[in-house]
């Protein structure tokens, strides 16, 4: 998505202020720009998926389009997910202890993986790993397979981006979510061979072959 400029942000601010929607003329008054400028901003924001038109509103003359924020538009405003997540993990750790938090994160990863199992049905172990990498990339991990360096011959999974880097820095037990997620998808034990939080260049996971 293209970055939002100052005047476009002013338009988004007005739409956030009036959740039921505003007309072009109302934006002209509140933002203080010409109709042409406001219209251009609205067109650009519509292309980005931040704004959409709804049922026209009668305002004395001919009906005018009403513009509202989309979900993407709402999400373009700053969020404090990291702060909130830290608060949750900190509170949970204080109540049940670090080991229980780690187990909770592992179980959560396994639970989330269950809904994705159909994507792996009919695939052999190597093909499953390739599909797992695709799943991880869909969630922002920047994952890839690397060559095996042991007798099991299965490729490893390497991730260059930790999607909760700030959180796992203070609460390393969060990494157990990844282990549970990968274990649930593969149906195998996972060895966390390398970790960014331990000073490695990437996180690397090995699937332990069945005995």
N, C-alpha and C. Protein backbone atom coordinates (compact mmCIF):
# COMPACT_ATOMS: atom_id res chain seq x y z
N UNK A 1 0.83 -1.19 0.00
CA UNK A 1 0.00 0.00 0.00
C UNK A 1 0.87 1.25 0.00
N UNK A 2 0.43 2.25 -0.73
CA UNK A 2 1.17 3.51 -0.78
C UNK A 2 1.02 4.24 0.54
N UNK A 3 2.07 5.01 0.94
CA UNK A 3 1.96 5.76 2.19
C UNK A 3 0.89 6.84 2.10
N UNK A 4 0.24 7.12 3.21
CA UNK A 4 -0.81 8.13 3.26
C UNK A 4 -0.18 9.47 3.56
N UNK A 5 -0.47 10.50 2.72
CA UNK A 5 0.08 11.83 2.93
C UNK A 5 -0.69 12.61 3.97
N UNK A 6 -0.21 13.82 4.27
CA UNK A 6 -0.82 14.63 5.31
C UNK A 6 -2.27 14.97 5.06
N UNK A 7 -2.59 15.44 3.85
CA UNK A 7 -3.98 15.81 3.55
C UNK A 7 -4.88 14.59 3.52
N UNK A 8 -4.38 13.48 2.99
CA UNK A 8 -5.16 12.24 2.99
C UNK A 8 -5.41 11.78 4.42
N UNK A 9 -4.42 11.96 5.28
CA UNK A 9 -4.60 11.58 6.67
C UNK A 9 -5.67 12.44 7.33
N UNK A 10 -5.74 13.72 6.93
CA UNK A 10 -6.79 14.59 7.45
C UNK A 10 -8.17 14.06 7.06
N UNK A 11 -8.28 13.56 5.84
CA UNK A 11 -9.55 12.98 5.38
C UNK A 11 -9.87 11.74 6.21
N UNK A 12 -8.86 10.89 6.41
CA UNK A 12 -9.08 9.68 7.20
C UNK A 12 -9.47 10.03 8.64
N UNK A 13 -8.86 11.08 9.18
CA UNK A 13 -9.19 11.50 10.55
C UNK A 13 -10.66 11.90 10.66
N UNK A 14 -11.16 12.60 9.64
CA UNK A 14 -12.56 13.00 9.66
C UNK A 14 -13.49 11.79 9.54
N UNK A 15 -13.09 10.83 8.73
CA UNK A 15 -13.90 9.62 8.59
C UNK A 15 -13.88 8.80 9.88
N UNK A 16 -12.75 8.81 10.57
CA UNK A 16 -12.69 8.13 11.86
C UNK A 16 -13.57 8.85 12.88
N UNK A 17 -13.62 10.17 12.79
CA UNK A 17 -14.43 10.98 13.71
C UNK A 17 -15.91 10.76 13.49
N UNK A 18 -16.30 10.48 12.24
CA UNK A 18 -17.71 10.31 11.89
C UNK A 18 -17.91 8.92 11.29
N UNK A 19 -18.09 7.94 12.15
CA UNK A 19 -18.15 6.54 11.70
C UNK A 19 -19.33 6.26 10.77
N UNK A 20 -20.38 7.07 10.88
CA UNK A 20 -21.54 6.85 10.01
C UNK A 20 -21.30 7.35 8.59
N UNK A 21 -20.20 8.07 8.37
CA UNK A 21 -19.85 8.52 7.04
C UNK A 21 -20.02 10.01 6.85
N UNK A 22 -19.32 10.54 5.86
CA UNK A 22 -19.41 11.97 5.53
C UNK A 22 -19.48 12.13 4.02
N UNK A 23 -20.03 13.25 3.60
CA UNK A 23 -20.11 13.55 2.17
C UNK A 23 -18.88 14.35 1.74
N UNK A 24 -18.73 14.49 0.45
CA UNK A 24 -17.63 15.27 -0.08
C UNK A 24 -17.71 16.72 0.41
N UNK A 25 -18.91 17.30 0.37
CA UNK A 25 -19.06 18.69 0.82
C UNK A 25 -18.71 18.85 2.30
N UNK A 26 -19.07 17.88 3.10
CA UNK A 26 -18.74 17.94 4.53
C UNK A 26 -17.24 17.86 4.74
N UNK A 27 -16.57 17.07 3.92
CA UNK A 27 -15.12 16.98 4.02
C UNK A 27 -14.45 18.28 3.57
N UNK A 28 -15.00 18.91 2.56
CA UNK A 28 -14.47 20.20 2.10
C UNK A 28 -14.46 21.20 3.25
N UNK A 29 -15.56 21.24 3.99
CA UNK A 29 -15.67 22.19 5.11
C UNK A 29 -14.73 21.81 6.25
N UNK A 30 -14.71 20.55 6.63
CA UNK A 30 -13.94 20.13 7.80
C UNK A 30 -12.44 20.07 7.55
N UNK A 31 -12.02 19.70 6.35
CA UNK A 31 -10.60 19.59 6.04
C UNK A 31 -10.04 20.90 5.54
N UNK A 32 -10.88 21.68 4.85
CA UNK A 32 -10.44 22.98 4.37
C UNK A 32 -9.72 22.96 3.05
N UNK A 33 -10.02 21.99 2.20
CA UNK A 33 -9.44 21.91 0.87
C UNK A 33 -10.55 22.04 -0.16
N UNK A 34 -10.16 22.21 -1.41
CA UNK A 34 -11.14 22.35 -2.50
C UNK A 34 -11.84 21.02 -2.77
N UNK A 35 -12.99 21.10 -3.45
CA UNK A 35 -13.71 19.89 -3.81
C UNK A 35 -12.85 18.98 -4.68
N UNK A 36 -12.09 19.61 -5.59
CA UNK A 36 -11.24 18.82 -6.48
C UNK A 36 -10.19 18.05 -5.68
N UNK A 37 -9.55 18.74 -4.73
CA UNK A 37 -8.51 18.10 -3.93
C UNK A 37 -9.08 16.97 -3.07
N UNK A 38 -10.23 17.25 -2.43
CA UNK A 38 -10.85 16.22 -1.59
C UNK A 38 -11.26 15.02 -2.43
N UNK A 39 -11.82 15.29 -3.60
CA UNK A 39 -12.25 14.21 -4.48
C UNK A 39 -11.07 13.35 -4.91
N UNK A 40 -9.92 13.99 -5.19
CA UNK A 40 -8.73 13.25 -5.58
C UNK A 40 -8.23 12.36 -4.43
N UNK A 41 -8.27 12.92 -3.23
CA UNK A 41 -7.85 12.14 -2.06
C UNK A 41 -8.78 10.94 -1.84
N UNK A 42 -10.08 11.16 -1.99
CA UNK A 42 -11.03 10.07 -1.80
C UNK A 42 -10.83 8.97 -2.84
N UNK A 43 -10.57 9.37 -4.07
CA UNK A 43 -10.33 8.38 -5.12
C UNK A 43 -9.09 7.56 -4.81
N UNK A 44 -8.04 8.23 -4.34
CA UNK A 44 -6.80 7.52 -4.00
C UNK A 44 -7.02 6.58 -2.82
N UNK A 45 -7.76 7.04 -1.81
CA UNK A 45 -8.02 6.22 -0.64
C UNK A 45 -8.93 5.04 -0.97
N UNK A 46 -9.82 5.24 -1.91
CA UNK A 46 -10.66 4.12 -2.38
C UNK A 46 -9.80 3.07 -3.07
N UNK A 47 -8.86 3.51 -3.90
CA UNK A 47 -7.98 2.56 -4.59
C UNK A 47 -7.15 1.74 -3.60
N UNK A 48 -6.76 2.38 -2.49
CA UNK A 48 -5.97 1.69 -1.47
C UNK A 48 -6.84 0.79 -0.60
N UNK A 49 -8.16 0.91 -0.76
CA UNK A 49 -9.05 0.09 0.05
C UNK A 49 -9.32 0.64 1.43
N UNK A 50 -8.97 1.92 1.68
CA UNK A 50 -9.17 2.53 2.98
C UNK A 50 -10.57 3.13 3.14
N UNK A 51 -11.19 3.44 2.02
CA UNK A 51 -12.47 4.15 2.03
C UNK A 51 -13.41 3.49 1.03
N UNK A 52 -14.72 3.51 1.34
CA UNK A 52 -15.70 3.03 0.38
C UNK A 52 -16.95 3.92 0.42
N UNK A 53 -17.68 3.89 -0.68
CA UNK A 53 -18.91 4.68 -0.78
C UNK A 53 -20.09 3.85 -0.29
N UNK A 54 -21.03 4.54 0.34
CA UNK A 54 -22.24 3.86 0.78
C UNK A 54 -23.45 4.55 0.13
N UNK A 55 -24.63 4.28 0.67
CA UNK A 55 -25.86 4.82 0.10
C UNK A 55 -25.82 6.36 0.10
N UNK A 56 -26.10 7.00 -1.05
CA UNK A 56 -26.10 8.46 -1.12
C UNK A 56 -27.07 9.08 -0.12
N UNK A 57 -26.71 10.28 0.34
CA UNK A 57 -27.52 11.00 1.30
C UNK A 57 -28.08 12.26 0.64
N UNK A 58 -29.37 12.52 0.86
CA UNK A 58 -29.99 13.74 0.34
C UNK A 58 -29.61 14.92 1.23
N UNK A 59 -29.22 16.02 0.59
CA UNK A 59 -28.80 17.19 1.37
C UNK A 59 -29.34 18.48 0.76
N UNK A 60 -30.63 18.52 0.46
CA UNK A 60 -31.23 19.72 -0.13
C UNK A 60 -31.18 19.69 -1.63
N UNK A 61 -30.02 19.40 -2.21
CA UNK A 61 -29.90 19.29 -3.65
C UNK A 61 -29.93 17.84 -4.06
N UNK A 62 -29.10 17.52 -5.02
CA UNK A 62 -29.06 16.12 -5.45
C UNK A 62 -28.32 15.27 -4.40
N UNK A 63 -28.65 13.99 -4.30
CA UNK A 63 -28.00 13.12 -3.31
C UNK A 63 -26.49 13.07 -3.51
N UNK A 64 -25.76 13.02 -2.40
CA UNK A 64 -24.30 12.95 -2.44
C UNK A 64 -23.83 11.61 -1.88
N UNK A 65 -22.76 11.10 -2.48
CA UNK A 65 -22.18 9.87 -1.95
C UNK A 65 -21.70 10.08 -0.53
N UNK A 66 -21.87 9.05 0.28
CA UNK A 66 -21.37 9.08 1.65
C UNK A 66 -20.16 8.15 1.71
N UNK A 67 -19.07 8.65 2.30
CA UNK A 67 -17.83 7.88 2.39
C UNK A 67 -17.60 7.42 3.82
N UNK A 68 -17.20 6.15 3.96
CA UNK A 68 -16.92 5.59 5.29
C UNK A 68 -15.58 4.87 5.25
N UNK A 69 -14.99 4.70 6.43
CA UNK A 69 -13.76 3.92 6.55
C UNK A 69 -14.05 2.44 6.38
N UNK A 70 -13.17 1.75 5.70
CA UNK A 70 -13.22 0.29 5.64
C UNK A 70 -12.44 -0.26 6.83
N UNK A 71 -12.43 -1.56 6.95
CA UNK A 71 -11.63 -2.19 8.00
C UNK A 71 -10.16 -1.87 7.82
N UNK A 72 -9.70 -1.88 6.56
CA UNK A 72 -8.31 -1.54 6.28
C UNK A 72 -8.01 -0.10 6.66
N UNK A 73 -8.98 0.79 6.42
CA UNK A 73 -8.80 2.18 6.80
C UNK A 73 -8.68 2.35 8.29
N UNK A 74 -9.51 1.64 9.03
CA UNK A 74 -9.44 1.69 10.49
C UNK A 74 -8.10 1.14 10.97
N UNK A 75 -7.64 0.07 10.35
CA UNK A 75 -6.37 -0.54 10.77
C UNK A 75 -5.16 0.28 10.38
N UNK A 76 -5.34 1.31 9.52
CA UNK A 76 -4.22 2.16 9.15
C UNK A 76 -3.82 3.10 10.29
N UNK A 77 -4.70 3.25 11.27
CA UNK A 77 -4.38 4.09 12.43
C UNK A 77 -3.49 3.31 13.39
N UNK A 78 -2.65 4.01 14.14
CA UNK A 78 -1.72 3.31 15.05
C UNK A 78 -2.43 2.38 16.02
N UNK A 79 -1.82 1.22 16.22
CA UNK A 79 -2.34 0.25 17.18
C UNK A 79 -1.24 -0.09 18.18
N UNK A 80 -1.63 -0.58 19.34
CA UNK A 80 -0.67 -0.94 20.38
C UNK A 80 -0.75 -2.43 20.69
N UNK A 81 -0.71 -3.25 19.64
CA UNK A 81 -0.80 -4.69 19.84
C UNK A 81 0.34 -5.21 20.71
N UNK A 82 1.57 -4.72 20.44
CA UNK A 82 2.72 -5.21 21.18
C UNK A 82 2.60 -4.89 22.67
N UNK A 83 2.20 -3.67 22.98
CA UNK A 83 2.04 -3.27 24.37
C UNK A 83 0.97 -4.13 25.06
N UNK A 84 -0.14 -4.34 24.37
CA UNK A 84 -1.24 -5.11 24.95
C UNK A 84 -0.83 -6.57 25.14
N UNK A 85 -0.12 -7.12 24.15
CA UNK A 85 0.32 -8.51 24.25
C UNK A 85 1.29 -8.68 25.41
N UNK A 86 2.19 -7.73 25.58
CA UNK A 86 3.13 -7.80 26.70
C UNK A 86 2.40 -7.78 28.03
N UNK A 87 1.37 -6.94 28.11
CA UNK A 87 0.59 -6.86 29.34
C UNK A 87 -0.08 -8.20 29.65
N UNK A 88 -0.64 -8.84 28.62
CA UNK A 88 -1.28 -10.14 28.81
C UNK A 88 -0.29 -11.20 29.26
N UNK A 89 0.86 -11.28 28.57
CA UNK A 89 1.85 -12.30 28.91
C UNK A 89 2.43 -12.05 30.30
N UNK A 90 2.69 -10.79 30.61
CA UNK A 90 3.23 -10.46 31.93
C UNK A 90 2.27 -10.87 33.04
N UNK A 91 0.99 -10.56 32.84
CA UNK A 91 -0.02 -10.90 33.85
C UNK A 91 -0.17 -12.41 33.98
N UNK A 92 -0.17 -13.10 32.83
CA UNK A 92 -0.28 -14.56 32.85
C UNK A 92 0.91 -15.19 33.55
N UNK A 93 2.11 -14.67 33.28
CA UNK A 93 3.32 -15.21 33.91
C UNK A 93 3.28 -15.02 35.43
N UNK A 94 2.78 -13.87 35.86
CA UNK A 94 2.70 -13.60 37.30
C UNK A 94 1.71 -14.54 37.99
N UNK A 95 0.67 -14.92 37.26
CA UNK A 95 -0.38 -15.74 37.86
C UNK A 95 -0.05 -17.23 37.86
N UNK A 96 0.57 -17.72 36.78
CA UNK A 96 0.76 -19.18 36.67
C UNK A 96 2.22 -19.60 36.57
N UNK A 97 3.13 -18.66 36.33
CA UNK A 97 4.54 -19.00 36.23
C UNK A 97 5.01 -19.18 34.79
N UNK A 98 6.32 -19.08 34.62
CA UNK A 98 6.91 -19.11 33.28
C UNK A 98 6.70 -20.44 32.56
N UNK A 99 6.84 -21.54 33.30
CA UNK A 99 6.70 -22.86 32.66
C UNK A 99 5.28 -23.07 32.14
N UNK A 100 4.31 -22.64 32.90
CA UNK A 100 2.92 -22.80 32.48
C UNK A 100 2.60 -21.91 31.28
N UNK A 101 3.20 -20.72 31.24
CA UNK A 101 3.00 -19.85 30.08
C UNK A 101 3.57 -20.52 28.83
N UNK A 102 4.77 -21.10 28.98
CA UNK A 102 5.39 -21.80 27.85
C UNK A 102 4.50 -22.94 27.35
N UNK A 103 3.93 -23.71 28.28
CA UNK A 103 3.05 -24.81 27.90
C UNK A 103 1.78 -24.28 27.24
N UNK A 104 1.27 -23.18 27.77
CA UNK A 104 0.08 -22.56 27.19
C UNK A 104 0.33 -22.12 25.76
N UNK A 105 1.50 -21.50 25.51
CA UNK A 105 1.83 -21.04 24.17
C UNK A 105 1.99 -22.23 23.21
N UNK A 106 2.60 -23.31 23.70
CA UNK A 106 2.76 -24.51 22.88
C UNK A 106 1.39 -25.08 22.50
N UNK A 107 0.53 -25.21 23.49
CA UNK A 107 -0.81 -25.76 23.24
C UNK A 107 -1.61 -24.86 22.29
N UNK A 108 -1.40 -23.56 22.41
CA UNK A 108 -2.09 -22.61 21.53
C UNK A 108 -1.63 -22.79 20.09
N UNK A 109 -0.32 -23.01 19.91
CA UNK A 109 0.20 -23.26 18.58
C UNK A 109 -0.37 -24.52 17.96
N UNK A 110 -0.46 -25.59 18.76
CA UNK A 110 -1.04 -26.85 18.29
C UNK A 110 -2.50 -26.64 17.89
N UNK A 111 -3.23 -25.92 18.72
CA UNK A 111 -4.65 -25.69 18.45
C UNK A 111 -4.84 -24.92 17.15
N UNK A 112 -4.02 -23.90 16.92
CA UNK A 112 -4.14 -23.12 15.70
C UNK A 112 -3.81 -23.96 14.47
N UNK A 113 -2.87 -24.86 14.61
CA UNK A 113 -2.45 -25.68 13.46
C UNK A 113 -3.55 -26.61 12.97
N UNK A 114 -4.47 -26.98 13.87
CA UNK A 114 -5.48 -27.99 13.52
C UNK A 114 -6.35 -27.55 12.34
N UNK A 115 -6.62 -26.26 12.24
CA UNK A 115 -7.46 -25.77 11.15
C UNK A 115 -6.76 -25.77 9.80
N UNK A 116 -5.44 -25.97 9.80
CA UNK A 116 -4.67 -25.94 8.56
C UNK A 116 -4.25 -27.32 8.08
N UNK A 117 -4.56 -28.34 8.86
CA UNK A 117 -4.17 -29.70 8.51
C UNK A 117 -4.68 -30.12 7.12
N UNK A 118 -5.92 -29.73 6.72
CA UNK A 118 -6.38 -30.15 5.38
C UNK A 118 -5.44 -29.76 4.25
N UNK A 119 -4.65 -28.70 4.41
CA UNK A 119 -3.71 -28.31 3.36
C UNK A 119 -2.55 -29.29 3.22
N UNK A 120 -2.38 -30.14 4.20
CA UNK A 120 -1.25 -31.07 4.18
C UNK A 120 -1.64 -32.50 3.84
N UNK A 121 -2.94 -32.74 3.76
CA UNK A 121 -3.43 -34.10 3.50
C UNK A 121 -2.96 -34.58 2.12
N UNK A 122 -2.47 -35.82 2.07
CA UNK A 122 -2.03 -36.40 0.80
C UNK A 122 -0.60 -36.09 0.43
N UNK A 123 0.11 -35.30 1.24
CA UNK A 123 1.49 -34.92 0.94
C UNK A 123 2.45 -35.77 1.75
N UNK A 124 3.63 -36.07 1.15
CA UNK A 124 4.66 -36.78 1.91
C UNK A 124 5.34 -35.79 2.85
N UNK A 125 6.30 -36.24 3.66
CA UNK A 125 6.89 -35.38 4.69
C UNK A 125 7.61 -34.17 4.10
N UNK A 126 8.35 -34.36 3.02
CA UNK A 126 9.06 -33.25 2.40
C UNK A 126 8.08 -32.24 1.81
N UNK A 127 7.02 -32.73 1.17
CA UNK A 127 6.00 -31.85 0.60
C UNK A 127 5.25 -31.09 1.70
N UNK A 128 5.07 -31.75 2.83
CA UNK A 128 4.42 -31.08 3.96
C UNK A 128 5.25 -29.88 4.43
N UNK A 129 6.55 -30.09 4.49
CA UNK A 129 7.42 -29.00 4.94
C UNK A 129 7.35 -27.83 3.98
N UNK A 130 7.30 -28.10 2.68
CA UNK A 130 7.18 -27.02 1.69
C UNK A 130 5.87 -26.26 1.90
N UNK A 131 4.79 -26.98 2.18
CA UNK A 131 3.50 -26.33 2.41
C UNK A 131 3.50 -25.55 3.73
N UNK A 132 4.18 -26.07 4.73
CA UNK A 132 4.29 -25.37 6.01
C UNK A 132 5.01 -24.04 5.82
N UNK A 133 6.05 -24.03 4.99
CA UNK A 133 6.77 -22.78 4.70
C UNK A 133 5.83 -21.77 4.04
N UNK A 134 4.99 -22.24 3.12
CA UNK A 134 4.02 -21.34 2.49
C UNK A 134 3.07 -20.74 3.53
N UNK A 135 2.61 -21.59 4.45
CA UNK A 135 1.69 -21.13 5.50
C UNK A 135 2.38 -20.06 6.35
N UNK A 136 3.63 -20.29 6.71
CA UNK A 136 4.35 -19.34 7.55
C UNK A 136 4.58 -18.02 6.82
N UNK A 137 4.87 -18.10 5.53
CA UNK A 137 5.06 -16.87 4.76
C UNK A 137 3.78 -16.06 4.66
N UNK A 138 2.66 -16.74 4.65
CA UNK A 138 1.37 -16.04 4.60
C UNK A 138 1.13 -15.22 5.87
N UNK A 139 1.81 -15.56 6.95
CA UNK A 139 1.65 -14.82 8.20
C UNK A 139 2.84 -13.92 8.51
N UNK A 140 3.78 -13.78 7.55
CA UNK A 140 4.84 -12.79 7.68
C UNK A 140 6.16 -13.27 8.21
N UNK A 141 6.39 -14.58 8.30
CA UNK A 141 7.62 -15.08 8.91
C UNK A 141 8.86 -14.96 8.00
N UNK A 142 8.67 -14.78 6.70
CA UNK A 142 9.77 -14.82 5.72
C UNK A 142 10.53 -16.13 5.90
N UNK A 143 9.83 -17.22 5.63
CA UNK A 143 10.38 -18.56 5.85
C UNK A 143 10.85 -19.19 4.55
N UNK A 144 11.74 -20.16 4.69
CA UNK A 144 12.23 -20.94 3.55
C UNK A 144 12.73 -22.28 4.07
N UNK A 145 12.93 -23.22 3.16
CA UNK A 145 13.53 -24.48 3.54
C UNK A 145 15.03 -24.40 3.32
N UNK A 146 15.78 -25.11 4.14
CA UNK A 146 17.23 -25.23 3.95
C UNK A 146 17.58 -26.71 3.92
N UNK A 147 18.71 -27.02 3.35
CA UNK A 147 19.11 -28.42 3.20
C UNK A 147 19.33 -29.09 4.54
N UNK A 148 19.01 -30.36 4.58
CA UNK A 148 19.22 -31.14 5.80
C UNK A 148 20.70 -31.35 6.01
N UNK A 149 21.11 -31.43 7.29
CA UNK A 149 22.52 -31.69 7.59
C UNK A 149 22.67 -32.93 8.47
N UNK A 150 21.68 -33.82 8.37
CA UNK A 150 21.72 -35.05 9.16
C UNK A 150 21.21 -36.21 8.35
N UNK A 151 21.15 -37.37 8.98
CA UNK A 151 20.75 -38.59 8.25
C UNK A 151 19.28 -38.64 7.86
N UNK A 152 18.43 -37.80 8.48
CA UNK A 152 17.00 -37.90 8.20
C UNK A 152 16.62 -37.33 6.85
N UNK A 153 17.48 -36.49 6.25
CA UNK A 153 17.31 -35.96 4.89
C UNK A 153 16.16 -34.96 4.74
N UNK A 154 15.42 -34.70 5.79
CA UNK A 154 14.32 -33.74 5.68
C UNK A 154 14.85 -32.31 5.73
N UNK A 155 14.33 -31.42 4.88
CA UNK A 155 14.78 -30.03 4.94
C UNK A 155 14.40 -29.36 6.26
N UNK A 156 15.18 -28.36 6.66
CA UNK A 156 14.86 -27.57 7.83
C UNK A 156 13.98 -26.39 7.41
N UNK A 157 13.36 -25.75 8.39
CA UNK A 157 12.61 -24.52 8.15
C UNK A 157 13.37 -23.38 8.79
N UNK A 158 13.67 -22.37 8.00
CA UNK A 158 14.40 -21.19 8.49
C UNK A 158 13.54 -19.95 8.34
N UNK A 159 13.47 -19.13 9.39
CA UNK A 159 12.67 -17.90 9.37
C UNK A 159 13.56 -16.71 9.64
N UNK A 160 13.50 -15.72 8.76
CA UNK A 160 14.30 -14.51 8.93
C UNK A 160 13.58 -13.44 9.73
N UNK A 161 12.26 -13.53 9.80
CA UNK A 161 11.49 -12.51 10.50
C UNK A 161 10.67 -13.15 11.62
N UNK A 162 10.87 -12.64 12.84
CA UNK A 162 10.04 -13.08 13.97
C UNK A 162 8.86 -12.12 14.05
N UNK A 163 7.65 -12.61 13.90
CA UNK A 163 6.49 -11.73 13.82
C UNK A 163 6.12 -11.13 15.17
N UNK A 164 6.74 -11.63 16.25
CA UNK A 164 6.52 -11.02 17.57
C UNK A 164 7.88 -10.82 18.25
N UNK A 165 8.78 -10.18 17.53
CA UNK A 165 10.17 -10.01 17.98
C UNK A 165 10.25 -9.30 19.33
N UNK A 166 9.57 -8.15 19.47
CA UNK A 166 9.63 -7.40 20.72
C UNK A 166 9.07 -8.20 21.89
N UNK A 167 8.03 -8.97 21.63
CA UNK A 167 7.39 -9.75 22.69
C UNK A 167 8.29 -10.89 23.15
N UNK A 168 8.86 -11.63 22.20
CA UNK A 168 9.69 -12.77 22.56
C UNK A 168 11.02 -12.34 23.17
N UNK A 169 11.43 -11.10 22.92
CA UNK A 169 12.67 -10.59 23.51
C UNK A 169 12.56 -10.56 25.03
N UNK A 170 11.41 -10.15 25.54
CA UNK A 170 11.19 -10.07 26.98
C UNK A 170 10.58 -11.36 27.55
N UNK A 171 9.86 -12.10 26.70
CA UNK A 171 9.17 -13.30 27.16
C UNK A 171 9.50 -14.44 26.19
N UNK A 172 10.67 -15.06 26.33
CA UNK A 172 11.10 -16.09 25.37
C UNK A 172 10.18 -17.30 25.32
N UNK A 173 9.35 -17.50 26.34
CA UNK A 173 8.43 -18.64 26.30
C UNK A 173 7.42 -18.51 25.16
N UNK A 174 7.27 -17.31 24.61
CA UNK A 174 6.37 -17.11 23.47
C UNK A 174 6.82 -17.95 22.27
N UNK A 175 8.13 -18.21 22.18
CA UNK A 175 8.66 -19.02 21.07
C UNK A 175 8.07 -20.43 21.06
N UNK A 176 7.55 -20.87 22.19
CA UNK A 176 6.94 -22.20 22.24
C UNK A 176 5.69 -22.27 21.36
N UNK A 177 5.13 -21.12 21.04
CA UNK A 177 3.99 -21.11 20.12
C UNK A 177 4.42 -21.67 18.77
N UNK A 178 5.58 -21.22 18.28
CA UNK A 178 6.08 -21.71 16.99
C UNK A 178 6.29 -23.22 17.03
N UNK A 179 6.87 -23.71 18.14
CA UNK A 179 7.14 -25.14 18.26
C UNK A 179 5.83 -25.92 18.22
N UNK A 180 4.84 -25.45 18.97
CA UNK A 180 3.55 -26.13 18.96
C UNK A 180 2.87 -26.08 17.60
N UNK A 181 2.97 -24.93 16.95
CA UNK A 181 2.35 -24.75 15.63
C UNK A 181 2.97 -25.70 14.61
N UNK A 182 4.30 -25.75 14.58
CA UNK A 182 4.99 -26.62 13.63
C UNK A 182 4.78 -28.09 13.97
N UNK A 183 4.81 -28.41 15.26
CA UNK A 183 4.60 -29.80 15.67
C UNK A 183 3.20 -30.27 15.29
N UNK A 184 2.21 -29.39 15.50
CA UNK A 184 0.85 -29.75 15.15
C UNK A 184 0.66 -29.97 13.66
N UNK A 185 1.31 -29.14 12.85
CA UNK A 185 1.18 -29.28 11.40
C UNK A 185 1.87 -30.54 10.88
N UNK A 186 3.04 -30.83 11.44
CA UNK A 186 3.83 -31.95 10.93
C UNK A 186 3.52 -33.26 11.63
N UNK A 187 2.95 -33.17 12.83
CA UNK A 187 2.72 -34.39 13.60
C UNK A 187 4.02 -35.00 14.06
N UNK A 188 4.98 -34.14 14.38
CA UNK A 188 6.30 -34.62 14.79
C UNK A 188 6.90 -33.65 15.80
N UNK A 189 7.85 -34.14 16.57
CA UNK A 189 8.58 -33.28 17.50
C UNK A 189 9.44 -32.30 16.71
N UNK A 190 9.61 -31.10 17.25
CA UNK A 190 10.38 -30.06 16.57
C UNK A 190 11.55 -29.63 17.44
N UNK A 191 12.73 -29.56 16.84
CA UNK A 191 13.92 -29.07 17.53
C UNK A 191 14.18 -27.63 17.10
N UNK A 192 14.27 -26.72 18.06
CA UNK A 192 14.54 -25.30 17.79
C UNK A 192 16.05 -25.12 17.75
N UNK A 193 16.64 -25.27 16.57
CA UNK A 193 18.09 -25.32 16.44
C UNK A 193 18.75 -23.95 16.57
N UNK A 194 18.09 -22.91 16.10
CA UNK A 194 18.66 -21.56 16.16
C UNK A 194 17.53 -20.57 16.43
N UNK A 195 17.88 -19.45 17.07
CA UNK A 195 16.86 -18.48 17.44
C UNK A 195 17.45 -17.08 17.39
N UNK A 196 16.72 -16.16 16.79
CA UNK A 196 17.16 -14.77 16.71
C UNK A 196 17.37 -14.20 18.11
N UNK A 197 16.51 -14.58 19.05
CA UNK A 197 16.61 -14.05 20.40
C UNK A 197 17.83 -14.59 21.15
N UNK A 198 18.42 -15.67 20.63
CA UNK A 198 19.65 -16.20 21.23
C UNK A 198 20.89 -15.66 20.53
N UNK A 199 20.69 -14.73 19.61
CA UNK A 199 21.81 -14.12 18.90
C UNK A 199 22.09 -14.69 17.54
N UNK A 200 21.28 -15.63 17.08
CA UNK A 200 21.47 -16.21 15.74
C UNK A 200 20.88 -15.30 14.68
N UNK A 201 21.28 -15.51 13.44
CA UNK A 201 20.82 -14.67 12.34
C UNK A 201 19.39 -14.98 11.94
N UNK A 202 18.91 -16.15 12.29
CA UNK A 202 17.55 -16.55 11.94
C UNK A 202 17.07 -17.59 12.93
N UNK A 203 15.78 -17.90 12.86
CA UNK A 203 15.25 -19.02 13.63
C UNK A 203 15.22 -20.24 12.71
N UNK A 204 15.70 -21.36 13.21
CA UNK A 204 15.76 -22.57 12.37
C UNK A 204 15.16 -23.73 13.16
N UNK A 205 14.32 -24.50 12.46
CA UNK A 205 13.60 -25.60 13.09
C UNK A 205 13.87 -26.90 12.34
N UNK A 206 14.05 -27.94 13.10
CA UNK A 206 14.26 -29.28 12.53
C UNK A 206 13.15 -30.20 13.01
N UNK A 207 12.56 -30.93 12.06
CA UNK A 207 11.54 -31.91 12.39
C UNK A 207 12.22 -33.23 12.74
N UNK A 208 12.00 -33.72 13.95
CA UNK A 208 12.64 -34.95 14.41
C UNK A 208 11.93 -36.14 13.78
N UNK A 209 12.65 -36.99 13.05
CA UNK A 209 12.02 -38.15 12.41
C UNK A 209 11.53 -39.15 13.45
N UNK A 210 10.50 -39.89 13.11
CA UNK A 210 9.99 -40.90 14.05
C UNK A 210 11.04 -41.96 14.35
N UNK A 211 11.03 -42.45 15.56
CA UNK A 211 12.02 -43.47 15.97
C UNK A 211 11.78 -44.78 15.23
